[in-house]
Amino acid sequence: MEIKLYPPNKQGTGQFDNGKITEQKPIGFPGEGSEVMRVGPLFYWAWAKADKVGYIPKHPHQGFEIITYVVSGKAEHGDSLGTKSVVGPGGIQVMQTGSGVWHEEGFVGPNMEGFQI
């Protein structure tokens, strides 16, 4: 068995809405700065935080599932299929993107914290 450690400086980072949402990406997409690109079937894992309210505008996904887990605050979701949802602390949203969907997200604080896989 081999165990590898990846401190924060070996992980990717990002931000949305002029820094209102910040991310640390233990597993990131190519070009996002993480040394880990894939672990088995996992190809993305982000830890996001928003002190108040931050939004990610509409963007497309296709052919995979996205799981959002909210630690504190809430995550708002709207998509091109007409789905609107709000997830609170301890809640999980699973989005199956199939042949394609556009969606937007709001991370609402105070002190919103959550994971996306």
C-alpha atoms as a PDB file:
ATOM      1  CA  MET A   1       0.000   0.000   0.000  1.00  0.00           C
ATOM      2  CA  GLU A   2       1.190   3.503  -0.789  1.00  0.00           C
ATOM      3  CA  ILE A   3      -0.027   6.684   0.892  1.00  0.00           C
ATOM      4  CA  LYS A   4       0.650  10.087  -0.674  1.00  0.00           C
ATOM      5  CA  LEU A   5       0.031  13.421   1.012  1.00  0.00           C
ATOM      6  CA  TYR A   6      -0.839  16.583  -0.926  1.00  0.00           C
ATOM      7  CA  PRO A   7      -0.641  19.767   1.174  1.00  0.00           C
ATOM      8  CA  PRO A   8      -2.658  22.839   0.091  1.00  0.00           C
ATOM      9  CA  ASN A   9       0.214  24.200  -2.026  1.00  0.00           C
ATOM     10  CA  LYS A  10      -0.031  21.049  -4.221  1.00  0.00           C
ATOM     11  CA  GLN A  11      -3.792  21.501  -4.748  1.00  0.00           C
ATOM     12  CA  GLY A  12      -5.576  23.732  -7.222  1.00  0.00           C
ATOM     13  CA  THR A  13      -7.404  26.902  -6.256  1.00  0.00           C
ATOM     14  CA  GLY A  14     -10.055  29.014  -7.903  1.00  0.00           C
ATOM     15  CA  GLN A  15     -12.600  31.746  -7.355  1.00  0.00           C
ATOM     16  CA  PHE A  16     -15.916  32.937  -8.745  1.00  0.00           C
ATOM     17  CA  ASP A  17     -17.913  36.155  -8.605  1.00  0.00           C
ATOM     18  CA  ASN A  18     -14.851  38.368  -8.108  1.00  0.00           C
ATOM     19  CA  GLY A  19     -13.596  36.279  -5.193  1.00  0.00           C
ATOM     20  CA  LYS A  20     -16.903  36.001  -3.313  1.00  0.00           C
ATOM     21  CA  ILE A  21     -16.611  32.210  -3.717  1.00  0.00           C
ATOM     22  CA  THR A  22     -13.191  30.631  -3.195  1.00  0.00           C
ATOM     23  CA  GLU A  23     -12.246  27.033  -3.915  1.00  0.00           C
ATOM     24  CA  GLN A  24      -9.531  24.624  -2.968  1.00  0.00           C
ATOM     25  CA  LYS A  25      -9.352  21.654  -5.362  1.00  0.00           C
ATOM     26  CA  PRO A  26      -7.698  18.495  -4.013  1.00  0.00           C
ATOM     27  CA  ILE A  27      -8.604  16.855  -7.358  1.00  0.00           C
ATOM     28  CA  GLY A  28      -8.790  19.359 -10.198  1.00  0.00           C
ATOM     29  CA  PHE A  29      -9.313  19.611 -13.913  1.00  0.00           C
ATOM     30  CA  PRO A  30      -6.160  19.881 -16.058  1.00  0.00           C
ATOM     31  CA  GLY A  31      -4.626  23.339 -15.858  1.00  0.00           C
ATOM     32  CA  GLU A  32      -6.136  24.191 -12.451  1.00  0.00           C
ATOM     33  CA  GLY A  33      -2.933  23.611 -10.478  1.00  0.00           C
ATOM     34  CA  SER A  34      -3.665  20.382  -8.613  1.00  0.00           C
ATOM     35  CA  GLU A  35      -1.062  17.624  -8.734  1.00  0.00           C
ATOM     36  CA  VAL A  36      -3.914  15.083  -8.533  1.00  0.00           C
ATOM     37  CA  MET A  37      -5.983  14.807 -11.725  1.00  0.00           C
ATOM     38  CA  ARG A  38      -7.885  11.611 -11.007  1.00  0.00           C
ATOM     39  CA  VAL A  39      -8.388   9.030  -8.263  1.00  0.00           C
ATOM     40  CA  GLY A  40     -10.202   6.005  -9.678  1.00  0.00           C
ATOM     41  CA  PRO A  41     -13.459   7.343 -11.147  1.00  0.00           C
ATOM     42  CA  LEU A  42     -13.146  10.707  -9.326  1.00  0.00           C
ATOM     43  CA  PHE A  43     -11.877  13.493 -11.566  1.00  0.00           C
ATOM     44  CA  TYR A  44     -12.970  16.539  -9.549  1.00  0.00           C
ATOM     45  CA  TRP A  45     -13.291  17.458  -5.889  1.00  0.00           C
ATOM     46  CA  ALA A  46     -13.619  21.047  -4.712  1.00  0.00           C
ATOM     47  CA  TRP A  47     -14.069  22.595  -1.282  1.00  0.00           C
ATOM     48  CA  ALA A  48     -15.840  25.943  -1.668  1.00  0.00           C
ATOM     49  CA  LYS A  49     -16.467  28.791   0.770  1.00  0.00           C
ATOM     50  CA  ALA A  50     -18.442  32.040   0.615  1.00  0.00           C
ATOM     51  CA  ASP A  51     -18.503  34.540   3.475  1.00  0.00           C
ATOM     52  CA  LYS A  52     -21.769  36.103   2.287  1.00  0.00           C
ATOM     53  CA  VAL A  53     -23.364  35.445  -1.135  1.00  0.00           C
ATOM     54  CA  GLY A  54     -21.619  34.470  -4.354  1.00  0.00           C
ATOM     55  CA  TYR A  55     -22.925  33.265  -7.708  1.00  0.00           C
ATOM     56  CA  ILE A  56     -21.561  31.074 -10.488  1.00  0.00           C
ATOM     57  CA  PRO A  57     -23.256  31.979 -13.802  1.00  0.00           C
ATOM     58  CA  LYS A  58     -24.827  29.463 -16.190  1.00  0.00           C
ATOM     59  CA  HIS A  59     -22.358  26.920 -17.533  1.00  0.00           C
ATOM     60  CA  PRO A  60     -22.701  23.518 -19.264  1.00  0.00           C
ATOM     61  CA  HIS A  61     -22.034  19.973 -18.060  1.00  0.00           C
ATOM     62  CA  GLN A  62     -22.480  16.704 -19.937  1.00  0.00           C
ATOM     63  CA  GLY A  63     -21.975  12.999 -19.281  1.00  0.00           C
ATOM     64  CA  PHE A  64     -21.268  12.852 -15.532  1.00  0.00           C
ATOM     65  CA  GLU A  65     -22.828  13.299 -12.104  1.00  0.00           C
ATOM     66  CA  ILE A  66     -22.113  16.185  -9.745  1.00  0.00           C
ATOM     67  CA  ILE A  67     -22.646  15.766  -6.015  1.00  0.00           C
ATOM     68  CA  THR A  68     -22.898  18.894  -3.857  1.00  0.00           C
ATOM     69  CA  TYR A  69     -22.689  18.494  -0.067  1.00  0.00           C
ATOM     70  CA  VAL A  70     -23.386  21.549   2.104  1.00  0.00           C
ATOM     71  CA  VAL A  71     -21.554  21.860   5.441  1.00  0.00           C
ATOM     72  CA  SER A  72     -22.961  25.294   6.405  1.00  0.00           C
ATOM     73  CA  GLY A  73     -25.032  28.001   4.729  1.00  0.00           C
ATOM     74  CA  LYS A  74     -26.939  26.944   1.623  1.00  0.00           C
ATOM     75  CA  ALA A  75     -26.430  26.172  -2.059  1.00  0.00           C
ATOM     76  CA  GLU A  76     -29.001  27.344  -4.610  1.00  0.00           C
ATOM     77  CA  HIS A  77     -29.356  25.654  -7.998  1.00  0.00           C
ATOM     78  CA  GLY A  78     -31.211  26.445 -11.227  1.00  0.00           C
ATOM     79  CA  ASP A  79     -30.876  24.681 -14.579  1.00  0.00           C
ATOM     80  CA  SER A  80     -31.992  24.588 -18.205  1.00  0.00           C
ATOM     81  CA  LEU A  81     -34.514  21.832 -17.409  1.00  0.00           C
ATOM     82  CA  GLY A  82     -36.415  24.191 -15.093  1.00  0.00           C
ATOM     83  CA  THR A  83     -35.182  22.613 -11.862  1.00  0.00           C
ATOM     84  CA  LYS A  84     -34.726  24.962  -8.912  1.00  0.00           C
ATOM     85  CA  SER A  85     -33.508  23.737  -5.533  1.00  0.00           C
ATOM     86  CA  VAL A  86     -31.944  24.882  -2.276  1.00  0.00           C
ATOM     87  CA  VAL A  87     -29.707  22.608  -0.188  1.00  0.00           C
ATOM     88  CA  GLY A  88     -28.990  23.380   3.472  1.00  0.00           C
ATOM     89  CA  PRO A  89     -26.463  22.076   6.019  1.00  0.00           C
ATOM     90  CA  GLY A  90     -26.031  18.297   5.834  1.00  0.00           C
ATOM     91  CA  GLY A  91     -27.986  18.130   2.571  1.00  0.00           C
ATOM     92  CA  ILE A  92     -26.846  16.610  -0.700  1.00  0.00           C
ATOM     93  CA  GLN A  93     -27.836  17.418  -4.268  1.00  0.00           C
ATOM     94  CA  VAL A  94     -27.059  14.930  -7.048  1.00  0.00           C
ATOM     95  CA  MET A  95     -27.207  16.262 -10.605  1.00  0.00           C
ATOM     96  CA  GLN A  96     -27.094  13.745 -13.456  1.00  0.00           C
ATOM     97  CA  THR A  97     -26.079  15.692 -16.544  1.00  0.00           C
ATOM     98  CA  GLY A  98     -26.736  12.986 -19.159  1.00  0.00           C
ATOM     99  CA  SER A  99     -26.737  14.410 -22.688  1.00  0.00           C
ATOM    100  CA  GLY A 100     -26.202  17.915 -21.331  1.00  0.00           C
ATOM    101  CA  VAL A 101     -27.566  20.617 -19.059  1.00  0.00           C
ATOM    102  CA  TRP A 102     -26.775  24.245 -18.295  1.00  0.00           C
ATOM    103  CA  HIS A 103     -26.925  25.277 -14.652  1.00  0.00           C
ATOM    104  CA  GLU A 104     -26.114  28.132 -12.291  1.00  0.00           C
ATOM    105  CA  GLU A 105     -25.328  28.100  -8.594  1.00  0.00           C
ATOM    106  CA  GLY A 106     -25.534  30.449  -5.655  1.00  0.00           C
ATOM    107  CA  PHE A 107     -23.476  29.881  -2.521  1.00  0.00           C
ATOM    108  CA  VAL A 108     -25.219  31.731   0.292  1.00  0.00           C
ATOM    109  CA  GLY A 109     -23.707  32.516   3.694  1.00  0.00           C
ATOM    110  CA  PRO A 110     -23.031  33.687   6.182  1.00  0.00           C
ATOM    111  CA  ASN A 111     -20.040  31.366   6.164  1.00  0.00           C
ATOM    112  CA  MET A 112     -21.235  28.975   3.447  1.00  0.00           C
ATOM    113  CA  GLU A 113     -19.021  25.926   3.109  1.00  0.00           C
ATOM    114  CA  GLY A 114     -19.508  22.893   0.890  1.00  0.00           C
ATOM    115  CA  PHE A 115     -17.938  20.236  -1.299  1.00  0.00           C
ATOM    116  CA  GLN A 116     -18.507  19.268  -4.916  1.00  0.00           C
ATOM    117  CA  ILE A 117     -17.446  15.930  -6.273  1.00  0.00           C
END
